[in-house]
């Protein structure tokens, strides 16, 4: 699926509308309408992984544009079909303010699952700005931000991407349920930029070291 930031064919998103197993053992990624596989196109830098799916970011490409890709998975029988995610409700984001907290996806179980609150998906389903300058990510039903709990070892929270949490990266092998909000900038009639009044929590992937005892 093409979005503002790239091309994403995530396993977790495909489990809902398609009958795909939760733990595929192999993946093939190729350009739509072509016999070329992803690794036969040297100009494109993408991730093609059976545990995740396909991820391509425009900013990583020489011409700042991902091609259109399609994927297929190999599933060992028997398998169970995943239940579809809940339908998000519209959220209005006025310029120069923080959006409401948004949680458009529930965590998927299984080794290849996780919680994904991607900016591209949120822009598609809600009315918000295309280029937020900041993001906050926290646990649903809690005041704890994603980097304030040791239950989760590795989570990405970035205003250009959104939130990404993979079960396989966590100690418990299960991501918590997260919600996100973005800061949308604007300009006054004088074209003077509005300054952020909330504390900045702009971060990227944080990996918390595991404490060990001798």
N, C-alpha and C. Protein backbone atom coordinates (compact mmCIF):
# COMPACT_ATOMS: atom_id res chain seq x y z
N UNK A 1 0.84 -1.19 0.00
CA UNK A 1 0.00 0.00 0.00
C UNK A 1 0.88 1.24 0.00
N UNK A 2 0.72 2.10 -1.00
CA UNK A 2 1.48 3.33 -1.08
C UNK A 2 0.93 4.34 -0.09
N UNK A 3 1.82 5.08 0.56
CA UNK A 3 1.41 6.14 1.47
C UNK A 3 2.32 7.33 1.24
N UNK A 4 2.12 8.37 2.03
CA UNK A 4 2.92 9.57 1.89
C UNK A 4 4.40 9.30 2.12
N UNK A 5 4.71 8.31 2.97
CA UNK A 5 6.09 8.08 3.37
C UNK A 5 6.74 6.87 2.70
N UNK A 6 5.96 6.08 1.97
CA UNK A 6 6.57 4.94 1.32
C UNK A 6 5.55 3.88 0.92
N UNK A 7 6.05 2.67 0.75
CA UNK A 7 5.23 1.51 0.37
C UNK A 7 5.32 0.49 1.49
N UNK A 8 4.17 0.09 2.04
CA UNK A 8 4.15 -0.83 3.17
C UNK A 8 3.16 -1.96 2.91
N UNK A 9 3.67 -3.18 2.94
CA UNK A 9 2.84 -4.38 2.84
C UNK A 9 3.15 -5.21 4.08
N UNK A 10 2.61 -4.78 5.23
CA UNK A 10 2.93 -5.40 6.51
C UNK A 10 2.10 -6.65 6.75
N UNK A 11 2.75 -7.68 7.26
CA UNK A 11 2.06 -8.93 7.55
C UNK A 11 0.88 -8.70 8.48
N UNK A 12 1.07 -7.89 9.51
CA UNK A 12 0.00 -7.65 10.48
C UNK A 12 -1.23 -7.02 9.84
N UNK A 13 -1.03 -6.15 8.84
CA UNK A 13 -2.15 -5.52 8.16
C UNK A 13 -2.82 -6.48 7.17
N UNK A 14 -2.06 -7.38 6.58
CA UNK A 14 -2.60 -8.31 5.58
C UNK A 14 -3.37 -9.46 6.21
N UNK A 15 -3.09 -9.75 7.49
CA UNK A 15 -3.79 -10.86 8.15
C UNK A 15 -5.29 -10.61 8.26
N UNK A 16 -5.69 -9.34 8.39
CA UNK A 16 -7.10 -9.03 8.54
C UNK A 16 -7.91 -9.31 7.30
N UNK A 17 -7.62 -8.63 6.18
CA UNK A 17 -8.44 -8.81 4.97
C UNK A 17 -8.15 -10.09 4.20
N UNK A 18 -6.99 -10.74 4.44
CA UNK A 18 -6.64 -11.94 3.70
C UNK A 18 -6.44 -13.13 4.64
N UNK A 19 -6.63 -14.31 4.12
CA UNK A 19 -6.45 -15.53 4.91
C UNK A 19 -4.97 -15.90 4.92
N UNK A 20 -4.22 -15.26 5.80
CA UNK A 20 -2.78 -15.49 5.91
C UNK A 20 -2.47 -16.04 7.30
N UNK A 21 -1.59 -17.00 7.34
CA UNK A 21 -1.19 -17.56 8.63
C UNK A 21 -0.44 -16.53 9.46
N UNK A 22 -0.39 -16.76 10.77
CA UNK A 22 0.26 -15.81 11.66
C UNK A 22 1.77 -15.98 11.68
N UNK A 23 2.27 -17.13 11.24
CA UNK A 23 3.71 -17.39 11.27
C UNK A 23 4.20 -17.95 9.95
N UNK A 24 4.18 -17.15 8.87
CA UNK A 24 4.69 -17.64 7.59
C UNK A 24 6.19 -17.91 7.68
N UNK A 25 6.65 -18.85 6.89
CA UNK A 25 8.07 -19.23 6.94
C UNK A 25 8.89 -18.63 5.81
N UNK A 26 8.21 -18.03 4.82
CA UNK A 26 8.94 -17.47 3.69
C UNK A 26 8.12 -16.36 3.06
N UNK A 27 8.81 -15.42 2.41
CA UNK A 27 8.13 -14.31 1.73
C UNK A 27 8.82 -14.02 0.41
N UNK A 28 8.05 -13.60 -0.57
CA UNK A 28 8.57 -13.11 -1.84
C UNK A 28 8.01 -11.71 -2.08
N UNK A 29 8.89 -10.78 -2.44
CA UNK A 29 8.50 -9.41 -2.72
C UNK A 29 8.94 -9.05 -4.13
N UNK A 30 8.02 -8.58 -4.95
CA UNK A 30 8.39 -8.20 -6.30
C UNK A 30 7.61 -6.97 -6.74
N UNK A 31 8.14 -6.33 -7.76
CA UNK A 31 7.52 -5.13 -8.32
C UNK A 31 6.21 -5.50 -9.00
N UNK A 32 5.17 -4.72 -8.76
CA UNK A 32 3.86 -4.97 -9.36
C UNK A 32 3.96 -4.89 -10.89
N UNK A 33 3.39 -5.87 -11.57
CA UNK A 33 3.39 -5.90 -13.03
C UNK A 33 4.71 -6.28 -13.64
N UNK A 34 5.59 -6.89 -12.84
CA UNK A 34 6.91 -7.26 -13.32
C UNK A 34 7.32 -8.59 -12.70
N UNK A 35 8.29 -9.24 -13.31
CA UNK A 35 8.83 -10.48 -12.76
C UNK A 35 10.04 -10.21 -11.89
N UNK A 36 10.41 -8.94 -11.72
CA UNK A 36 11.58 -8.58 -10.93
C UNK A 36 11.29 -8.64 -9.44
N UNK A 37 12.13 -9.37 -8.71
CA UNK A 37 12.02 -9.40 -7.26
C UNK A 37 12.76 -8.21 -6.66
N UNK A 38 12.50 -7.95 -5.39
CA UNK A 38 13.01 -6.73 -4.76
C UNK A 38 14.53 -6.64 -4.81
N UNK A 39 15.21 -7.80 -4.67
CA UNK A 39 16.68 -7.79 -4.66
C UNK A 39 17.28 -7.76 -6.06
N UNK A 40 16.44 -7.68 -7.08
CA UNK A 40 16.90 -7.56 -8.46
C UNK A 40 16.79 -6.12 -8.95
N UNK A 41 16.41 -5.22 -8.03
CA UNK A 41 16.28 -3.80 -8.36
C UNK A 41 17.28 -3.04 -7.48
N UNK A 42 18.50 -2.84 -7.95
CA UNK A 42 19.55 -2.27 -7.11
C UNK A 42 19.28 -0.85 -6.64
N UNK A 43 18.44 -0.11 -7.34
CA UNK A 43 18.20 1.28 -6.97
C UNK A 43 17.26 1.43 -5.78
N UNK A 44 16.63 0.33 -5.36
CA UNK A 44 15.65 0.39 -4.27
C UNK A 44 16.21 -0.26 -3.00
N UNK A 45 16.04 0.42 -1.89
CA UNK A 45 16.46 -0.09 -0.59
C UNK A 45 15.21 -0.39 0.23
N UNK A 46 14.90 -1.68 0.41
CA UNK A 46 13.67 -2.06 1.09
C UNK A 46 13.94 -3.22 2.05
N UNK A 47 12.97 -3.44 2.93
CA UNK A 47 12.98 -4.60 3.83
C UNK A 47 11.93 -5.58 3.36
N UNK A 48 12.34 -6.84 3.15
CA UNK A 48 11.42 -7.91 2.76
C UNK A 48 11.68 -9.07 3.71
N UNK A 49 10.82 -9.20 4.70
CA UNK A 49 11.05 -10.15 5.78
C UNK A 49 9.75 -10.89 6.10
N UNK A 50 9.81 -12.21 6.21
CA UNK A 50 8.62 -13.02 6.45
C UNK A 50 7.97 -12.70 7.79
N UNK A 51 8.73 -12.20 8.74
CA UNK A 51 8.18 -11.89 10.06
C UNK A 51 7.52 -10.52 10.10
N UNK A 52 7.83 -9.66 9.13
CA UNK A 52 7.32 -8.29 9.12
C UNK A 52 6.47 -8.01 7.89
N UNK A 53 6.97 -8.39 6.72
CA UNK A 53 6.36 -8.03 5.46
C UNK A 53 7.32 -7.17 4.67
N UNK A 54 6.79 -6.23 3.90
CA UNK A 54 7.62 -5.33 3.10
C UNK A 54 7.52 -3.91 3.63
N UNK A 55 8.67 -3.24 3.75
CA UNK A 55 8.73 -1.85 4.16
C UNK A 55 9.69 -1.11 3.23
N UNK A 56 9.21 -0.02 2.64
CA UNK A 56 10.04 0.82 1.77
C UNK A 56 9.73 2.27 2.10
N UNK A 57 10.75 3.05 2.45
CA UNK A 57 10.58 4.46 2.77
C UNK A 57 11.11 5.32 1.62
N UNK A 58 10.28 6.29 1.19
CA UNK A 58 10.70 7.16 0.10
C UNK A 58 12.05 7.82 0.37
N UNK A 59 12.26 8.23 1.63
CA UNK A 59 13.47 8.98 1.97
C UNK A 59 14.75 8.15 1.80
N UNK A 60 14.62 6.82 1.74
CA UNK A 60 15.79 5.95 1.61
C UNK A 60 16.17 5.69 0.15
N UNK A 61 15.36 6.16 -0.80
CA UNK A 61 15.59 5.87 -2.20
C UNK A 61 16.34 7.01 -2.89
N UNK A 62 17.17 6.71 -3.87
CA UNK A 62 17.93 7.75 -4.58
C UNK A 62 17.05 8.84 -5.18
N UNK A 63 15.88 8.44 -5.71
CA UNK A 63 14.98 9.42 -6.31
C UNK A 63 13.82 9.78 -5.38
N UNK A 64 13.95 9.39 -4.09
CA UNK A 64 12.93 9.70 -3.08
C UNK A 64 11.56 9.15 -3.44
N UNK A 65 11.54 7.98 -4.07
CA UNK A 65 10.26 7.38 -4.44
C UNK A 65 10.37 5.87 -4.46
N UNK A 66 9.52 5.20 -3.69
CA UNK A 66 9.44 3.74 -3.71
C UNK A 66 8.61 3.27 -4.90
N UNK A 67 8.97 2.13 -5.44
CA UNK A 67 8.15 1.49 -6.46
C UNK A 67 6.94 0.83 -5.80
N UNK A 68 6.01 0.36 -6.62
CA UNK A 68 4.83 -0.34 -6.11
C UNK A 68 5.17 -1.83 -6.04
N UNK A 69 5.02 -2.43 -4.85
CA UNK A 69 5.40 -3.83 -4.66
C UNK A 69 4.20 -4.68 -4.27
N UNK A 70 4.34 -5.97 -4.51
CA UNK A 70 3.37 -6.95 -4.04
C UNK A 70 4.13 -8.07 -3.35
N UNK A 71 3.48 -8.74 -2.43
CA UNK A 71 4.15 -9.79 -1.65
C UNK A 71 3.29 -11.06 -1.63
N UNK A 72 3.96 -12.17 -1.36
CA UNK A 72 3.24 -13.42 -1.07
C UNK A 72 4.03 -14.18 -0.01
N UNK A 73 3.27 -14.91 0.82
CA UNK A 73 3.87 -15.63 1.94
C UNK A 73 3.68 -17.13 1.77
N UNK A 74 4.61 -17.89 2.35
CA UNK A 74 4.48 -19.35 2.40
C UNK A 74 4.03 -19.73 3.79
N UNK A 75 2.88 -20.42 3.88
CA UNK A 75 2.32 -20.82 5.16
C UNK A 75 2.33 -22.35 5.29
N UNK A 76 2.81 -22.80 6.43
CA UNK A 76 2.76 -24.23 6.72
C UNK A 76 1.40 -24.56 7.32
N UNK A 77 0.71 -25.54 6.76
CA UNK A 77 -0.62 -25.91 7.26
C UNK A 77 -0.51 -26.76 8.53
N UNK A 78 -1.53 -26.74 9.42
CA UNK A 78 -2.71 -25.88 9.32
C UNK A 78 -2.43 -24.48 9.85
N UNK A 79 -3.28 -23.53 9.48
CA UNK A 79 -3.12 -22.18 10.00
C UNK A 79 -4.48 -21.63 10.40
N UNK A 80 -4.45 -20.54 11.18
CA UNK A 80 -5.67 -19.88 11.62
C UNK A 80 -5.67 -18.47 11.07
N UNK A 81 -6.82 -18.05 10.63
CA UNK A 81 -6.94 -16.70 10.10
C UNK A 81 -7.03 -15.70 11.24
N UNK A 82 -6.33 -14.59 11.08
CA UNK A 82 -6.35 -13.56 12.11
C UNK A 82 -7.64 -12.76 12.02
N UNK A 83 -8.11 -12.22 13.14
CA UNK A 83 -9.31 -11.38 13.15
C UNK A 83 -8.95 -9.98 12.69
N UNK A 84 -9.84 -9.31 11.94
CA UNK A 84 -9.53 -7.97 11.43
C UNK A 84 -9.45 -6.94 12.53
N UNK A 85 -8.71 -5.86 12.29
CA UNK A 85 -8.56 -4.79 13.27
C UNK A 85 -9.84 -3.97 13.34
N UNK A 86 -10.01 -3.24 14.42
CA UNK A 86 -11.19 -2.39 14.60
C UNK A 86 -11.11 -1.22 13.64
N UNK A 87 -12.27 -0.69 13.24
CA UNK A 87 -12.32 0.44 12.32
C UNK A 87 -12.11 1.73 13.10
N UNK A 88 -11.15 2.55 12.70
CA UNK A 88 -10.89 3.79 13.42
C UNK A 88 -11.97 4.83 13.17
N UNK A 89 -12.08 5.79 14.08
CA UNK A 89 -13.03 6.88 13.93
C UNK A 89 -12.26 8.15 13.60
N UNK A 90 -12.88 9.09 12.85
CA UNK A 90 -12.18 10.31 12.44
C UNK A 90 -11.75 11.15 13.64
N UNK A 91 -10.57 11.76 13.53
CA UNK A 91 -10.06 12.65 14.56
C UNK A 91 -9.58 13.92 13.87
N UNK A 92 -10.07 15.06 14.31
CA UNK A 92 -9.69 16.32 13.69
C UNK A 92 -8.45 16.88 14.36
N UNK A 93 -7.50 17.29 13.56
CA UNK A 93 -6.26 17.83 14.08
C UNK A 93 -6.11 19.28 13.67
N UNK A 94 -6.39 20.23 14.54
CA UNK A 94 -6.18 21.63 14.18
C UNK A 94 -4.70 21.96 14.12
N UNK A 95 -4.33 22.81 13.16
CA UNK A 95 -2.92 23.18 13.03
C UNK A 95 -2.43 23.90 14.28
N UNK A 96 -1.18 23.66 14.61
CA UNK A 96 -0.55 24.34 15.73
C UNK A 96 -0.90 23.77 17.08
N UNK A 97 -1.46 22.56 17.11
CA UNK A 97 -1.82 21.93 18.37
C UNK A 97 -1.54 20.44 18.31
N UNK A 98 -1.60 19.82 19.47
CA UNK A 98 -1.51 18.35 19.53
C UNK A 98 -2.84 17.75 19.10
N UNK A 99 -2.80 16.65 18.39
CA UNK A 99 -4.02 15.93 18.04
C UNK A 99 -4.56 15.23 19.28
N UNK A 100 -5.75 14.67 19.15
CA UNK A 100 -6.26 13.77 20.19
C UNK A 100 -5.40 12.51 20.18
N UNK A 101 -5.47 11.76 21.27
CA UNK A 101 -4.78 10.46 21.30
C UNK A 101 -5.52 9.50 20.37
N UNK A 102 -4.75 8.75 19.57
CA UNK A 102 -5.34 7.86 18.57
C UNK A 102 -4.78 6.44 18.70
N UNK A 103 -5.67 5.47 18.61
CA UNK A 103 -5.30 4.05 18.67
C UNK A 103 -6.13 3.34 17.60
N UNK A 104 -5.59 3.23 16.38
CA UNK A 104 -6.38 2.67 15.27
C UNK A 104 -6.14 1.18 15.06
N UNK A 105 -5.15 0.61 15.76
CA UNK A 105 -4.86 -0.82 15.61
C UNK A 105 -4.72 -1.48 16.98
N UNK A 106 -5.23 -2.68 17.10
CA UNK A 106 -5.01 -3.47 18.30
C UNK A 106 -3.76 -4.33 18.12
N UNK A 107 -3.05 -4.65 19.20
CA UNK A 107 -1.85 -5.48 19.07
C UNK A 107 -2.19 -6.85 18.50
N UNK A 108 -1.37 -7.33 17.55
CA UNK A 108 -1.53 -8.67 17.00
C UNK A 108 -0.69 -9.64 17.82
N UNK A 109 -1.23 -10.81 18.09
CA UNK A 109 -0.49 -11.81 18.83
C UNK A 109 0.40 -12.61 17.88
N UNK A 110 1.25 -13.43 18.45
CA UNK A 110 2.12 -14.26 17.62
C UNK A 110 3.49 -13.63 17.43
N UNK A 111 4.44 -14.44 17.09
CA UNK A 111 5.83 -13.99 16.95
C UNK A 111 5.98 -12.87 15.93
N UNK A 112 5.21 -12.91 14.85
CA UNK A 112 5.34 -11.91 13.80
C UNK A 112 4.40 -10.73 13.99
N UNK A 113 3.64 -10.72 15.08
CA UNK A 113 2.69 -9.64 15.32
C UNK A 113 3.30 -8.46 16.03
N UNK A 114 2.43 -7.58 16.52
CA UNK A 114 2.88 -6.40 17.24
C UNK A 114 1.81 -5.33 17.22
N UNK A 115 2.20 -4.10 17.54
CA UNK A 115 1.28 -2.96 17.50
C UNK A 115 1.85 -1.93 16.54
N UNK A 116 1.01 -1.47 15.61
CA UNK A 116 1.45 -0.53 14.59
C UNK A 116 0.47 0.64 14.54
N UNK A 117 0.96 1.82 14.84
CA UNK A 117 0.17 3.05 14.72
C UNK A 117 0.93 3.94 13.74
N UNK A 118 0.84 3.60 12.45
CA UNK A 118 1.63 4.26 11.42
C UNK A 118 1.01 5.57 10.97
N UNK A 119 1.86 6.57 10.78
CA UNK A 119 1.40 7.88 10.34
C UNK A 119 0.61 7.79 9.04
N UNK A 120 1.11 6.99 8.09
CA UNK A 120 0.41 6.86 6.81
C UNK A 120 -1.02 6.35 6.96
N UNK A 121 -1.23 5.38 7.86
CA UNK A 121 -2.57 4.85 8.10
C UNK A 121 -3.45 5.88 8.78
N UNK A 122 -2.89 6.60 9.74
CA UNK A 122 -3.66 7.59 10.49
C UNK A 122 -4.09 8.74 9.58
N UNK A 123 -3.19 9.16 8.68
CA UNK A 123 -3.53 10.22 7.73
C UNK A 123 -4.67 9.76 6.82
N UNK A 124 -4.65 8.48 6.44
CA UNK A 124 -5.68 7.95 5.55
C UNK A 124 -7.04 7.91 6.23
N UNK A 125 -7.06 7.58 7.52
CA UNK A 125 -8.33 7.39 8.22
C UNK A 125 -8.82 8.64 8.96
N UNK A 126 -7.99 9.62 9.17
CA UNK A 126 -8.37 10.79 9.97
C UNK A 126 -8.03 12.08 9.25
N UNK A 127 -8.51 13.18 9.82
CA UNK A 127 -8.22 14.50 9.28
C UNK A 127 -7.08 15.12 10.09
N UNK A 128 -5.87 14.95 9.64
CA UNK A 128 -4.75 15.54 10.34
C UNK A 128 -3.69 15.98 9.34
N UNK A 129 -2.72 16.74 9.82
CA UNK A 129 -1.70 17.29 8.94
C UNK A 129 -0.83 16.19 8.34
N UNK A 130 -0.18 16.50 7.23
CA UNK A 130 0.65 15.53 6.53
C UNK A 130 2.07 15.48 7.05
N UNK A 131 2.51 16.57 7.69
CA UNK A 131 3.91 16.64 8.14
C UNK A 131 4.00 17.08 9.60
N UNK A 132 3.59 16.23 10.53
CA UNK A 132 3.73 16.58 11.95
C UNK A 132 5.20 16.71 12.33
N UNK A 133 5.46 17.55 13.32
CA UNK A 133 6.85 17.79 13.73
C UNK A 133 7.21 17.08 15.02
N UNK A 134 6.24 16.51 15.71
CA UNK A 134 6.53 15.83 16.97
C UNK A 134 5.51 14.73 17.20
N UNK A 135 5.82 13.83 18.09
CA UNK A 135 4.94 12.70 18.39
C UNK A 135 5.09 12.31 19.84
N UNK A 136 4.02 11.83 20.43
CA UNK A 136 4.06 11.22 21.76
C UNK A 136 3.39 9.86 21.68
N UNK A 137 3.98 8.87 22.31
CA UNK A 137 3.46 7.50 22.30
C UNK A 137 3.33 7.01 23.73
N UNK A 138 2.17 6.51 24.09
CA UNK A 138 1.99 6.02 25.45
C UNK A 138 1.11 4.77 25.45
N UNK A 139 1.12 4.09 26.59
CA UNK A 139 0.33 2.86 26.75
C UNK A 139 -1.14 3.24 26.92
N UNK A 140 -2.02 2.57 26.21
CA UNK A 140 -3.46 2.84 26.30
C UNK A 140 -3.94 2.63 27.75
N UNK A 141 -4.73 3.56 28.24
CA UNK A 141 -5.28 3.46 29.58
C UNK A 141 -4.27 3.76 30.67
N UNK A 142 -3.18 4.42 30.30
CA UNK A 142 -2.12 4.71 31.26
C UNK A 142 -1.51 6.06 30.94
N UNK A 143 -0.87 6.66 31.94
CA UNK A 143 -0.13 7.91 31.73
C UNK A 143 1.32 7.64 31.38
N UNK A 144 1.70 6.36 31.29
CA UNK A 144 3.08 5.98 31.01
C UNK A 144 3.41 6.09 29.52
N UNK A 145 4.47 6.83 29.20
CA UNK A 145 4.95 6.88 27.84
C UNK A 145 5.74 5.62 27.54
N UNK A 146 5.91 5.36 26.25
CA UNK A 146 6.49 4.08 25.82
C UNK A 146 7.89 3.83 26.39
N UNK A 147 8.64 4.91 26.67
CA UNK A 147 10.00 4.75 27.17
C UNK A 147 10.08 4.84 28.69
N UNK A 148 8.93 4.76 29.34
CA UNK A 148 8.90 4.85 30.80
C UNK A 148 8.56 3.51 31.45
N UNK A 149 8.51 2.46 30.67
CA UNK A 149 8.26 1.13 31.22
C UNK A 149 9.32 0.16 30.74
N UNK A 150 9.75 -0.73 31.61
CA UNK A 150 10.76 -1.72 31.27
C UNK A 150 10.13 -3.01 30.74
N UNK A 151 8.79 -3.02 30.65
CA UNK A 151 8.12 -4.20 30.09
C UNK A 151 8.42 -4.36 28.60
N UNK A 152 8.67 -3.22 27.94
CA UNK A 152 8.90 -3.23 26.51
C UNK A 152 10.35 -2.85 26.25
N UNK A 153 11.04 -3.66 25.46
CA UNK A 153 12.47 -3.48 25.28
C UNK A 153 12.83 -2.60 24.09
N UNK A 154 12.04 -2.68 23.02
CA UNK A 154 12.38 -1.95 21.80
C UNK A 154 11.11 -1.50 21.09
N UNK A 155 10.92 -0.17 21.02
CA UNK A 155 9.75 0.41 20.38
C UNK A 155 10.20 1.63 19.58
N UNK A 156 9.68 1.80 18.38
CA UNK A 156 9.97 2.97 17.57
C UNK A 156 8.83 3.97 17.69
N UNK A 157 9.17 5.21 18.03
CA UNK A 157 8.19 6.29 18.15
C UNK A 157 8.79 7.50 17.44
N UNK A 158 8.36 7.76 16.21
CA UNK A 158 8.99 8.77 15.38
C UNK A 158 7.91 9.54 14.61
N UNK A 159 7.96 10.87 14.56
CA UNK A 159 6.90 11.64 13.89
C UNK A 159 6.83 11.40 12.39
N UNK A 160 7.89 10.90 11.77
CA UNK A 160 7.86 10.62 10.34
C UNK A 160 7.32 9.22 10.03
N UNK A 161 7.20 8.39 11.05
CA UNK A 161 6.76 7.00 10.85
C UNK A 161 5.50 6.70 11.65
N UNK A 162 5.49 7.08 12.91
CA UNK A 162 4.45 6.70 13.84
C UNK A 162 5.04 5.78 14.89
N UNK A 163 4.28 4.80 15.33
CA UNK A 163 4.76 3.83 16.32
C UNK A 163 4.86 2.44 15.70
N UNK A 164 5.97 1.78 15.98
CA UNK A 164 6.19 0.40 15.55
C UNK A 164 6.68 -0.41 16.73
N UNK A 165 5.99 -1.50 17.02
CA UNK A 165 6.41 -2.41 18.08
C UNK A 165 6.23 -3.84 17.57
N UNK A 166 7.31 -4.62 17.58
CA UNK A 166 7.25 -6.01 17.12
C UNK A 166 7.36 -6.95 18.32
N UNK A 167 6.46 -7.92 18.38
CA UNK A 167 6.46 -8.87 19.50
C UNK A 167 7.81 -9.55 19.68
N UNK A 168 8.45 -9.90 18.58
CA UNK A 168 9.70 -10.65 18.64
C UNK A 168 10.82 -9.90 19.36
N UNK A 169 10.69 -8.56 19.44
CA UNK A 169 11.73 -7.75 20.08
C UNK A 169 11.53 -7.59 21.59
N UNK A 170 10.38 -8.04 22.09
CA UNK A 170 10.05 -7.81 23.50
C UNK A 170 10.41 -9.02 24.37
N UNK A 171 10.68 -8.74 25.63
CA UNK A 171 11.03 -9.81 26.56
C UNK A 171 9.89 -10.81 26.70
N UNK A 172 8.67 -10.29 26.78
CA UNK A 172 7.49 -11.15 26.94
C UNK A 172 6.96 -11.68 25.61
N UNK A 173 7.60 -11.25 24.49
CA UNK A 173 7.17 -11.62 23.14
C UNK A 173 5.76 -11.13 22.83
N UNK A 174 5.36 -10.04 23.48
CA UNK A 174 4.06 -9.44 23.21
C UNK A 174 4.12 -7.94 23.44
N UNK A 175 3.75 -7.17 22.44
CA UNK A 175 3.69 -5.72 22.58
C UNK A 175 2.46 -5.30 23.36
N UNK A 176 2.58 -4.23 24.11
CA UNK A 176 1.43 -3.64 24.78
C UNK A 176 0.60 -2.87 23.74
N UNK A 177 -0.56 -2.40 24.16
CA UNK A 177 -1.42 -1.62 23.27
C UNK A 177 -1.05 -0.14 23.43
N UNK A 178 -0.69 0.51 22.34
CA UNK A 178 -0.23 1.89 22.39
C UNK A 178 -1.21 2.84 21.69
N UNK A 179 -1.13 4.11 22.09
CA UNK A 179 -1.84 5.17 21.39
C UNK A 179 -0.85 6.30 21.13
N UNK A 180 -1.11 7.08 20.11
CA UNK A 180 -0.18 8.13 19.71
C UNK A 180 -0.93 9.44 19.50
N UNK A 181 -0.18 10.53 19.57
CA UNK A 181 -0.71 11.82 19.14
C UNK A 181 0.44 12.60 18.49
N UNK A 182 0.09 13.48 17.55
CA UNK A 182 1.08 14.22 16.78
C UNK A 182 0.90 15.72 17.00
N UNK A 183 2.00 16.45 16.83
CA UNK A 183 1.94 17.91 16.87
C UNK A 183 1.99 18.43 15.44
N UNK A 184 0.96 19.19 15.07
CA UNK A 184 0.87 19.75 13.73
C UNK A 184 1.20 21.23 13.76
N UNK A 185 2.22 21.67 13.04
CA UNK A 185 2.60 23.08 13.04
C UNK A 185 1.71 23.89 12.11
N UNK A 186 1.74 25.21 12.25
CA UNK A 186 1.01 26.08 11.33
C UNK A 186 1.67 27.45 11.36
N UNK A 187 1.18 28.33 10.53
CA UNK A 187 1.68 29.70 10.50
C UNK A 187 0.52 30.67 10.70
N UNK A 188 0.80 31.74 11.42
CA UNK A 188 -0.21 32.78 11.61
C UNK A 188 -0.33 33.60 10.33
N UNK A 189 -1.25 34.58 10.32
CA UNK A 189 -1.42 35.42 9.14
C UNK A 189 -0.15 36.20 8.84
N UNK A 190 0.68 36.41 9.86
CA UNK A 190 1.94 37.12 9.67
C UNK A 190 3.03 36.20 9.15
N UNK A 191 2.68 34.93 8.93
CA UNK A 191 3.63 33.91 8.49
C UNK A 191 4.70 33.60 9.52
N UNK A 192 4.48 34.04 10.75
CA UNK A 192 5.41 33.71 11.82
C UNK A 192 5.08 32.33 12.33
N UNK A 193 6.07 31.43 12.43
CA UNK A 193 5.78 30.06 12.87
C UNK A 193 5.36 30.01 14.32
N UNK A 194 4.38 29.16 14.62
CA UNK A 194 3.93 28.96 16.00
C UNK A 194 4.93 28.09 16.73
N UNK A 195 5.25 28.47 17.92
CA UNK A 195 6.17 27.70 18.72
C UNK A 195 5.41 26.64 19.51
N UNK A 196 6.01 25.47 19.70
CA UNK A 196 5.39 24.42 20.49
C UNK A 196 5.38 24.82 21.96
N UNK A 197 4.24 24.65 22.59
CA UNK A 197 4.12 24.99 24.00
C UNK A 197 4.24 23.77 24.89
N UNK A 198 4.08 22.59 24.31
CA UNK A 198 4.21 21.35 25.08
C UNK A 198 5.65 20.89 25.05
N UNK A 199 6.06 20.17 26.07
CA UNK A 199 7.41 19.65 26.09
C UNK A 199 7.61 18.69 24.93
N UNK A 200 8.78 18.75 24.35
CA UNK A 200 9.08 17.90 23.20
C UNK A 200 9.50 16.53 23.64
N UNK A 201 8.89 15.50 22.99
CA UNK A 201 9.26 14.13 23.27
C UNK A 201 9.62 13.43 21.98
N UNK A 202 10.19 14.18 21.01
CA UNK A 202 10.54 13.61 19.72
C UNK A 202 11.68 12.61 19.90
N UNK A 203 11.39 11.36 19.58
CA UNK A 203 12.35 10.30 19.81
C UNK A 203 12.31 9.31 18.66
N UNK A 204 13.28 8.43 18.62
CA UNK A 204 13.26 7.34 17.66
C UNK A 204 13.26 6.04 18.43
N UNK A 205 13.79 4.99 17.82
CA UNK A 205 13.77 3.69 18.48
C UNK A 205 14.60 3.71 19.76
N UNK A 206 14.01 3.21 20.83
CA UNK A 206 14.70 3.11 22.11
C UNK A 206 14.81 1.65 22.50
N UNK A 207 15.99 1.19 22.79
CA UNK A 207 16.21 -0.18 23.24
C UNK A 207 16.69 -0.14 24.66
N UNK A 208 15.91 -0.70 25.59
CA UNK A 208 16.23 -0.65 27.01
C UNK A 208 17.04 -1.88 27.38
N UNK A 209 18.24 -1.72 27.96
CA UNK A 209 19.06 -2.88 28.33
C UNK A 209 18.39 -3.71 29.40
N UNK A 210 18.59 -5.04 29.33
CA UNK A 210 18.01 -5.95 30.31
C UNK A 210 18.97 -6.09 31.49
N UNK A 211 18.43 -5.88 32.68
CA UNK A 211 19.26 -6.01 33.88
C UNK A 211 19.49 -7.48 34.16
N UNK A 212 20.73 -7.83 34.52
CA UNK A 212 21.05 -9.22 34.82
C UNK A 212 21.70 -9.31 36.20
N UNK A 213 21.57 -10.42 36.82
CA UNK A 213 22.17 -10.65 38.13
C UNK A 213 23.19 -11.77 38.01
N UNK A 214 24.28 -11.62 38.72
CA UNK A 214 25.32 -12.65 38.70
C UNK A 214 24.88 -13.88 39.49
